[in-house]
Amino acid sequence: MSGDRFAADPDRLRQSAQRLRALQSRVQGLSSTVDQLASRYPNAAGDGDFKESYDTNYVPASTAAKEFMAQLSTSVEEIAQDTTTVARELADTEDTATRESRHQM
């Protein structure tokens, strides 16, 4: 194990964080579009048996999907923030190690 080395690229981690933020933005956009469509057509199911079936089957699934999208958006944003933090910490550690190694020479 003494020959194993750990290497990380802070710049690539930052790029990954940016891609994650773009994904989060896309998730938010999709969620917003679904909300807008649902609010634009509140009576799309009409009435009678179809409305009853709609309320029983679609509405709970729709609500669960909206909650999932909100949670997904939050989770992806948190991962992006954590990835940025790790990139910064690795860059700082590398800078510190470089400075310290110069003092040891």
Protein backbone atom coordinates (compact mmCIF):
# COMPACT_ATOMS: atom_id res chain seq x y z
CA MET A 1 0.00 0.00 0.00
CA SER A 2 2.88 2.40 0.48
CA GLY A 3 3.13 2.74 -3.31
CA ASP A 4 -0.49 3.84 -3.66
CA ARG A 5 -0.96 7.53 -4.27
CA PHE A 6 -3.98 9.75 -4.15
CA ALA A 7 -4.36 12.39 -6.83
CA ALA A 8 -7.15 14.85 -7.42
CA ASP A 9 -7.68 17.64 -9.89
CA PRO A 10 -9.40 20.62 -8.21
CA ASP A 11 -10.12 22.26 -11.57
CA ARG A 12 -11.96 19.19 -12.84
CA LEU A 13 -13.89 19.01 -9.59
CA ARG A 14 -14.94 22.64 -10.08
CA GLN A 15 -16.04 21.78 -13.62
CA SER A 16 -18.06 18.87 -12.25
CA ALA A 17 -19.71 21.21 -9.76
CA GLN A 18 -20.67 23.53 -12.61
CA ARG A 19 -22.20 20.63 -14.54
CA LEU A 20 -24.12 19.61 -11.43
CA ARG A 21 -25.45 23.16 -11.07
CA ALA A 22 -26.57 23.05 -14.71
CA LEU A 23 -28.38 19.78 -13.99
CA GLN A 24 -30.00 21.34 -10.93
CA SER A 25 -31.14 24.28 -13.02
CA ARG A 26 -32.64 21.89 -15.57
CA VAL A 27 -34.50 19.98 -12.85
CA GLN A 28 -35.88 23.25 -11.48
CA GLY A 29 -36.97 24.29 -14.96
CA LEU A 30 -38.78 21.02 -15.60
CA SER A 31 -40.49 21.20 -12.23
CA SER A 32 -41.57 24.76 -12.90
CA THR A 33 -42.97 23.81 -16.31
CA VAL A 34 -45.04 20.99 -14.78
CA ASP A 35 -46.35 23.35 -12.09
CA GLN A 36 -47.28 25.97 -14.68
CA LEU A 37 -49.13 23.48 -16.84
CA ALA A 38 -51.02 22.07 -13.87
CA SER A 39 -52.08 25.52 -12.70
CA ARG A 40 -52.99 26.64 -16.22
CA TYR A 41 -55.45 23.76 -16.67
CA PRO A 42 -56.93 23.12 -13.21
CA ASN A 43 -60.12 21.59 -14.62
CA ALA A 44 -58.50 19.45 -17.30
CA ALA A 45 -60.04 16.31 -15.82
CA GLY A 46 -63.57 17.65 -16.24
CA ASP A 47 -66.07 16.08 -13.88
CA GLY A 48 -67.83 12.82 -13.17
CA ASP A 49 -66.14 9.44 -13.22
CA PHE A 50 -63.08 10.65 -15.08
CA LYS A 51 -62.51 13.43 -12.51
CA GLU A 52 -62.87 10.94 -9.69
CA SER A 53 -60.35 8.61 -11.33
CA TYR A 54 -58.05 11.57 -12.03
CA ASP A 55 -58.20 12.76 -8.43
CA THR A 56 -57.64 9.24 -7.12
CA ASN A 57 -54.86 8.15 -9.45
CA TYR A 58 -53.15 11.16 -10.98
CA VAL A 59 -53.20 13.80 -8.27
CA PRO A 60 -51.29 11.76 -5.63
CA ALA A 61 -48.70 10.69 -8.22
CA SER A 62 -48.37 14.26 -9.43
CA THR A 63 -47.89 15.55 -5.90
CA ALA A 64 -45.28 12.87 -5.20
CA ALA A 65 -43.47 13.71 -8.45
CA LYS A 66 -43.37 17.41 -7.56
CA GLU A 67 -41.99 16.60 -4.11
CA PHE A 68 -39.40 14.32 -5.68
CA MET A 69 -38.33 17.01 -8.16
CA ALA A 70 -37.94 19.53 -5.33
CA GLN A 71 -35.89 17.07 -3.28
CA LEU A 72 -33.80 16.13 -6.32
CA SER A 73 -33.09 19.78 -7.04
CA THR A 74 -32.04 20.39 -3.44
CA SER A 75 -29.87 17.28 -3.34
CA VAL A 76 -28.09 18.07 -6.60
CA GLU A 77 -27.41 21.64 -5.42
CA GLU A 78 -25.98 20.32 -2.14
CA ILE A 79 -23.74 17.88 -4.02
CA ALA A 80 -22.56 20.73 -6.28
CA GLN A 81 -21.76 22.88 -3.24
CA ASP A 82 -19.94 20.02 -1.53
CA THR A 83 -17.98 19.28 -4.72
CA THR A 84 -16.91 22.94 -4.87
CA THR A 85 -15.88 22.79 -1.21
CA VAL A 86 -13.80 19.65 -1.80
CA ALA A 87 -12.14 21.25 -4.83
CA ARG A 88 -11.26 24.33 -2.78
CA GLU A 89 -9.92 22.23 0.11
CA LEU A 90 -7.80 20.10 -2.22
CA ALA A 91 -6.40 23.19 -3.94
CA ASP A 92 -5.63 24.78 -0.55
CA THR A 93 -3.99 21.57 0.67
CA GLU A 94 -1.88 21.36 -2.48
CA ASP A 95 -0.85 25.02 -2.12
CA THR A 96 0.07 24.49 1.53
CA ALA A 97 2.05 21.34 0.75
CA THR A 98 3.92 23.14 -2.03
CA ARG A 99 4.79 26.05 0.25
CA GLU A 100 5.87 23.76 3.05
CA SER A 101 8.03 21.65 0.76
CA ARG A 102 9.90 24.78 -0.37
CA HIS A 103 10.73 25.58 3.26
CA GLN A 104 12.13 22.09 3.80
CA MET A 105 14.71 22.39 1.03
